Structure formats: structure tokens, C-alpha cells
Amino acid sequence: MTTPAEGGEDEGRGRGGRRRFAVVLLALGVLVILSAVLRVASAGYGSRPLRELPERRSYDTVKRDVHRVLPWALVQGLAGLGLAWVGGRALTRER
């Protein structure tokens, strides 16, 4: 019976698990970035994007709502970028 250090069967299963973990990290990072973008977009659009002209939100209201959400969305986007970067590094390190 071979050990993983000798290049036995178990080494292949470990690489597959690391690759799967790296792909999950990469996908999770992309989803976190996408959710940050959607958070800022929804703050700008408001709850009902299709409105008649008299009931539309003013420029100052939109600006205030976007600026209120932007710092946390930036932190969220950077966290997603970090997850995607770690996942990408893990994928390239495996090869």
C-alpha cells in the first residue's frame, strides 16, 4: 500500500478537494462582488424604478441614498475581491 507522500491514490483525491475548494472560493467572491454592485444599484433606483414623472425621486434623494450605502458596499466588494483572489491563487498554485 502506498502513502500519500509516495504519490498514491489519496493524493489525487486531495488535489480534487483543493481544486473544488478553490473554485467555490472564486465563485463566492464573484457573488459577493455582484451583490455589492446590486446593493448600490438598488439604492440608486429605489424600491420602484418605474415611476411617473411627478413621483420620481430628486437627484439629491438618489445621491443621498447611494452615498449612504456606498461605504459598506465598498467593503463588501473588497471582501469579494479578496475571496476571488484567494480562490484564483489556490487554483494556480495547484497546477
N, C-alpha and C. Protein backbone atom coordinates (compact mmCIF):
# COMPACT_ATOMS: atom_id res chain seq x y z
N MET A 1 0.84 -1.17 0.00
CA MET A 1 0.00 0.00 0.00
C MET A 1 0.89 1.24 0.00
N THR A 2 0.55 2.23 -0.80
CA THR A 2 1.37 3.44 -0.90
C THR A 2 0.80 4.53 0.00
N THR A 3 1.65 5.40 0.43
CA THR A 3 1.23 6.53 1.26
C THR A 3 1.05 7.75 0.36
N PRO A 4 0.35 8.79 0.85
CA PRO A 4 0.19 9.99 0.02
C PRO A 4 1.52 10.65 -0.33
N ALA A 5 2.52 10.51 0.53
CA ALA A 5 3.81 11.11 0.26
C ALA A 5 4.51 10.42 -0.91
N GLU A 6 4.16 9.14 -1.12
CA GLU A 6 4.78 8.40 -2.21
C GLU A 6 4.02 8.57 -3.53
N GLY A 7 2.94 9.33 -3.51
CA GLY A 7 2.20 9.56 -4.75
C GLY A 7 1.14 8.52 -4.99
N GLY A 8 0.50 8.01 -3.95
CA GLY A 8 -0.54 7.01 -4.08
C GLY A 8 -1.86 7.61 -4.53
N GLU A 9 -2.93 6.80 -4.39
CA GLU A 9 -4.25 7.22 -4.84
C GLU A 9 -4.79 8.40 -4.05
N ASP A 10 -4.46 8.48 -2.77
CA ASP A 10 -5.03 9.52 -1.92
C ASP A 10 -4.61 10.93 -2.34
N GLU A 11 -3.49 11.05 -2.99
CA GLU A 11 -3.04 12.38 -3.42
C GLU A 11 -3.98 12.97 -4.45
N GLY A 12 -4.50 12.15 -5.34
CA GLY A 12 -5.44 12.63 -6.35
C GLY A 12 -6.72 13.15 -5.74
N ARG A 13 -7.22 12.49 -4.70
CA ARG A 13 -8.43 12.95 -4.04
C ARG A 13 -8.19 14.26 -3.30
N GLY A 14 -7.02 14.44 -2.74
CA GLY A 14 -6.71 15.69 -2.05
C GLY A 14 -6.63 16.86 -3.01
N ARG A 15 -6.06 16.64 -4.17
CA ARG A 15 -5.98 17.70 -5.18
C ARG A 15 -7.36 18.09 -5.69
N GLY A 16 -8.21 17.09 -5.88
CA GLY A 16 -9.57 17.38 -6.33
C GLY A 16 -10.34 18.19 -5.30
N GLY A 17 -10.13 17.88 -4.04
CA GLY A 17 -10.79 18.63 -2.98
C GLY A 17 -10.29 20.05 -2.89
N ARG A 18 -8.98 20.24 -3.04
CA ARG A 18 -8.43 21.59 -3.02
C ARG A 18 -8.90 22.39 -4.22
N ARG A 19 -8.98 21.75 -5.38
CA ARG A 19 -9.46 22.44 -6.58
C ARG A 19 -10.92 22.85 -6.41
N ARG A 20 -11.72 21.96 -5.86
CA ARG A 20 -13.14 22.26 -5.64
C ARG A 20 -13.28 23.42 -4.65
N PHE A 21 -12.47 23.40 -3.59
CA PHE A 21 -12.48 24.48 -2.59
C PHE A 21 -12.08 25.81 -3.24
N ALA A 22 -11.08 25.78 -4.11
CA ALA A 22 -10.63 27.00 -4.78
C ALA A 22 -11.71 27.54 -5.71
N VAL A 23 -12.39 26.66 -6.42
CA VAL A 23 -13.46 27.09 -7.32
C VAL A 23 -14.62 27.67 -6.51
N VAL A 24 -14.94 27.06 -5.38
CA VAL A 24 -16.00 27.57 -4.51
C VAL A 24 -15.63 28.96 -3.99
N LEU A 25 -14.39 29.15 -3.57
CA LEU A 25 -13.94 30.47 -3.11
C LEU A 25 -14.04 31.51 -4.22
N LEU A 26 -13.62 31.15 -5.39
CA LEU A 26 -13.67 32.06 -6.53
C LEU A 26 -15.12 32.43 -6.87
N ALA A 27 -16.00 31.45 -6.90
CA ALA A 27 -17.41 31.72 -7.21
C ALA A 27 -18.06 32.55 -6.10
N LEU A 28 -17.73 32.26 -4.86
CA LEU A 28 -18.27 33.03 -3.75
C LEU A 28 -17.81 34.48 -3.81
N GLY A 29 -16.56 34.70 -4.17
CA GLY A 29 -16.04 36.05 -4.32
C GLY A 29 -16.77 36.83 -5.40
N VAL A 30 -17.03 36.18 -6.52
CA VAL A 30 -17.74 36.84 -7.61
C VAL A 30 -19.18 37.16 -7.18
N LEU A 31 -19.81 36.25 -6.45
CA LEU A 31 -21.18 36.52 -5.97
C LEU A 31 -21.22 37.67 -4.98
N VAL A 32 -20.21 37.76 -4.12
CA VAL A 32 -20.17 38.86 -3.15
C VAL A 32 -19.97 40.19 -3.87
N ILE A 33 -19.11 40.22 -4.88
CA ILE A 33 -18.91 41.43 -5.66
C ILE A 33 -20.21 41.82 -6.38
N LEU A 34 -20.87 40.85 -6.97
CA LEU A 34 -22.13 41.11 -7.67
C LEU A 34 -23.19 41.65 -6.71
N SER A 35 -23.26 41.10 -5.50
CA SER A 35 -24.25 41.59 -4.55
C SER A 35 -23.94 43.02 -4.10
N ALA A 36 -22.66 43.37 -4.02
CA ALA A 36 -22.30 44.75 -3.67
C ALA A 36 -22.72 45.71 -4.78
N VAL A 37 -22.51 45.32 -6.01
CA VAL A 37 -22.92 46.16 -7.15
C VAL A 37 -24.44 46.32 -7.17
N LEU A 38 -25.16 45.24 -6.93
CA LEU A 38 -26.61 45.31 -6.91
C LEU A 38 -27.13 46.13 -5.74
N ARG A 39 -26.42 46.12 -4.63
CA ARG A 39 -26.82 46.93 -3.48
C ARG A 39 -26.75 48.42 -3.82
N VAL A 40 -25.67 48.83 -4.47
CA VAL A 40 -25.54 50.24 -4.85
C VAL A 40 -26.56 50.60 -5.92
N ALA A 41 -26.78 49.69 -6.87
CA ALA A 41 -27.74 49.96 -7.93
C ALA A 41 -29.16 50.08 -7.37
N SER A 42 -29.51 49.22 -6.43
CA SER A 42 -30.86 49.29 -5.87
C SER A 42 -31.04 50.54 -5.02
N ALA A 43 -29.97 51.02 -4.39
CA ALA A 43 -30.07 52.28 -3.65
C ALA A 43 -30.30 53.44 -4.62
N GLY A 44 -29.71 53.37 -5.78
CA GLY A 44 -29.90 54.43 -6.76
C GLY A 44 -31.25 54.38 -7.43
N TYR A 45 -31.72 53.17 -7.74
CA TYR A 45 -33.01 53.04 -8.41
C TYR A 45 -34.18 53.24 -7.46
N GLY A 46 -34.01 52.88 -6.21
CA GLY A 46 -35.11 52.96 -5.26
C GLY A 46 -35.95 51.69 -5.31
N SER A 47 -37.04 51.69 -4.57
CA SER A 47 -37.84 50.48 -4.48
C SER A 47 -38.69 50.26 -5.73
N ARG A 48 -39.08 51.32 -6.41
CA ARG A 48 -39.89 51.21 -7.62
C ARG A 48 -39.22 52.00 -8.74
N PRO A 49 -38.49 51.34 -9.62
CA PRO A 49 -37.79 52.10 -10.66
C PRO A 49 -38.71 52.71 -11.72
N LEU A 50 -39.87 52.12 -11.96
CA LEU A 50 -40.77 52.66 -12.98
C LEU A 50 -41.79 53.56 -12.31
N ARG A 51 -41.60 54.85 -12.45
CA ARG A 51 -42.48 55.83 -11.83
C ARG A 51 -42.92 56.85 -12.86
N GLU A 52 -44.02 57.46 -12.58
CA GLU A 52 -44.48 58.57 -13.41
C GLU A 52 -43.63 59.80 -13.09
N LEU A 53 -43.61 60.74 -13.96
CA LEU A 53 -42.76 61.92 -13.81
C LEU A 53 -42.98 62.68 -12.49
N PRO A 54 -44.22 62.94 -12.06
CA PRO A 54 -44.39 63.71 -10.82
C PRO A 54 -43.91 62.98 -9.56
N GLU A 55 -43.87 61.66 -9.57
CA GLU A 55 -43.48 60.94 -8.36
C GLU A 55 -42.04 60.42 -8.37
N ARG A 56 -41.25 60.85 -9.33
CA ARG A 56 -39.85 60.43 -9.37
C ARG A 56 -39.05 61.07 -8.25
N ARG A 57 -37.97 60.39 -7.87
CA ARG A 57 -37.12 60.90 -6.80
C ARG A 57 -36.19 61.98 -7.33
N SER A 58 -35.87 62.92 -6.49
CA SER A 58 -35.00 64.01 -6.91
C SER A 58 -33.54 63.53 -6.96
N TYR A 59 -32.71 64.31 -7.61
CA TYR A 59 -31.28 63.99 -7.71
C TYR A 59 -30.65 63.92 -6.33
N ASP A 60 -31.03 64.84 -5.45
CA ASP A 60 -30.45 64.85 -4.10
C ASP A 60 -30.86 63.62 -3.30
N THR A 61 -32.07 63.15 -3.47
CA THR A 61 -32.52 61.94 -2.77
C THR A 61 -31.73 60.72 -3.24
N VAL A 62 -31.57 60.60 -4.54
CA VAL A 62 -30.82 59.48 -5.09
C VAL A 62 -29.37 59.54 -4.62
N LYS A 63 -28.77 60.72 -4.69
CA LYS A 63 -27.38 60.89 -4.28
C LYS A 63 -27.21 60.55 -2.81
N ARG A 64 -28.12 61.00 -1.96
CA ARG A 64 -28.05 60.74 -0.53
C ARG A 64 -28.16 59.24 -0.24
N ASP A 65 -29.08 58.55 -0.92
CA ASP A 65 -29.24 57.11 -0.72
C ASP A 65 -28.03 56.32 -1.18
N VAL A 66 -27.46 56.70 -2.32
CA VAL A 66 -26.28 55.99 -2.82
C VAL A 66 -25.08 56.24 -1.91
N HIS A 67 -24.92 57.46 -1.45
CA HIS A 67 -23.79 57.76 -0.56
C HIS A 67 -23.94 57.09 0.80
N ARG A 68 -25.17 56.84 1.21
CA ARG A 68 -25.39 56.14 2.47
C ARG A 68 -24.97 54.67 2.35
N VAL A 69 -25.18 54.05 1.21
CA VAL A 69 -24.91 52.63 1.01
C VAL A 69 -23.47 52.38 0.55
N LEU A 70 -22.85 53.34 -0.08
CA LEU A 70 -21.57 53.14 -0.74
C LEU A 70 -20.43 52.65 0.16
N PRO A 71 -20.22 53.17 1.37
CA PRO A 71 -19.08 52.66 2.16
C PRO A 71 -19.17 51.17 2.48
N TRP A 72 -20.35 50.71 2.86
CA TRP A 72 -20.47 49.27 3.17
C TRP A 72 -20.41 48.42 1.91
N ALA A 73 -20.92 48.93 0.82
CA ALA A 73 -20.83 48.19 -0.44
C ALA A 73 -19.38 48.11 -0.91
N LEU A 74 -18.61 49.15 -0.65
CA LEU A 74 -17.18 49.12 -0.99
C LEU A 74 -16.45 48.07 -0.16
N VAL A 75 -16.74 48.00 1.12
CA VAL A 75 -16.14 46.98 1.99
C VAL A 75 -16.55 45.59 1.51
N GLN A 76 -17.82 45.43 1.18
CA GLN A 76 -18.32 44.15 0.70
C GLN A 76 -17.65 43.77 -0.63
N GLY A 77 -17.50 44.72 -1.52
CA GLY A 77 -16.85 44.44 -2.80
C GLY A 77 -15.39 44.07 -2.64
N LEU A 78 -14.70 44.75 -1.73
CA LEU A 78 -13.29 44.40 -1.48
C LEU A 78 -13.16 43.03 -0.84
N ALA A 79 -14.11 42.68 0.03
CA ALA A 79 -14.09 41.33 0.62
C ALA A 79 -14.30 40.28 -0.47
N GLY A 80 -15.21 40.55 -1.39
CA GLY A 80 -15.42 39.64 -2.51
C GLY A 80 -14.20 39.54 -3.41
N LEU A 81 -13.54 40.67 -3.61
CA LEU A 81 -12.32 40.66 -4.41
C LEU A 81 -11.23 39.83 -3.72
N GLY A 82 -11.15 39.95 -2.41
CA GLY A 82 -10.18 39.13 -1.66
C GLY A 82 -10.49 37.65 -1.77
N LEU A 83 -11.76 37.28 -1.64
CA LEU A 83 -12.14 35.87 -1.78
C LEU A 83 -11.81 35.35 -3.18
N ALA A 84 -12.13 36.14 -4.19
CA ALA A 84 -11.84 35.72 -5.56
C ALA A 84 -10.33 35.62 -5.79
N TRP A 85 -9.58 36.52 -5.21
CA TRP A 85 -8.12 36.48 -5.37
C TRP A 85 -7.54 35.23 -4.70
N VAL A 86 -8.00 34.93 -3.49
CA VAL A 86 -7.51 33.73 -2.79
C VAL A 86 -7.89 32.48 -3.56
N GLY A 87 -9.12 32.44 -4.08
CA GLY A 87 -9.54 31.28 -4.88
C GLY A 87 -8.72 31.14 -6.14
N GLY A 88 -8.43 32.25 -6.81
CA GLY A 88 -7.60 32.20 -8.01
C GLY A 88 -6.17 31.77 -7.72
N ARG A 89 -5.63 32.27 -6.62
CA ARG A 89 -4.28 31.85 -6.23
C ARG A 89 -4.23 30.36 -5.91
N ALA A 90 -5.28 29.87 -5.25
CA ALA A 90 -5.32 28.45 -4.91
C ALA A 90 -5.44 27.60 -6.18
N LEU A 91 -6.16 28.10 -7.17
CA LEU A 91 -6.26 27.35 -8.43
C LEU A 91 -4.91 27.31 -9.16
N THR A 92 -4.21 28.42 -9.21
CA THR A 92 -2.93 28.43 -9.93
C THR A 92 -1.84 27.72 -9.14
N ARG A 93 -1.94 27.72 -7.83
CA ARG A 93 -0.94 27.03 -7.01
C ARG A 93 -1.06 25.53 -7.16
N GLU A 94 -2.27 25.03 -7.44
CA GLU A 94 -2.48 23.60 -7.54
C GLU A 94 -1.77 23.01 -8.74
N ARG A 95 -1.65 23.76 -9.82
CA ARG A 95 -1.06 23.23 -11.07
C ARG A 95 0.37 22.94 -10.96
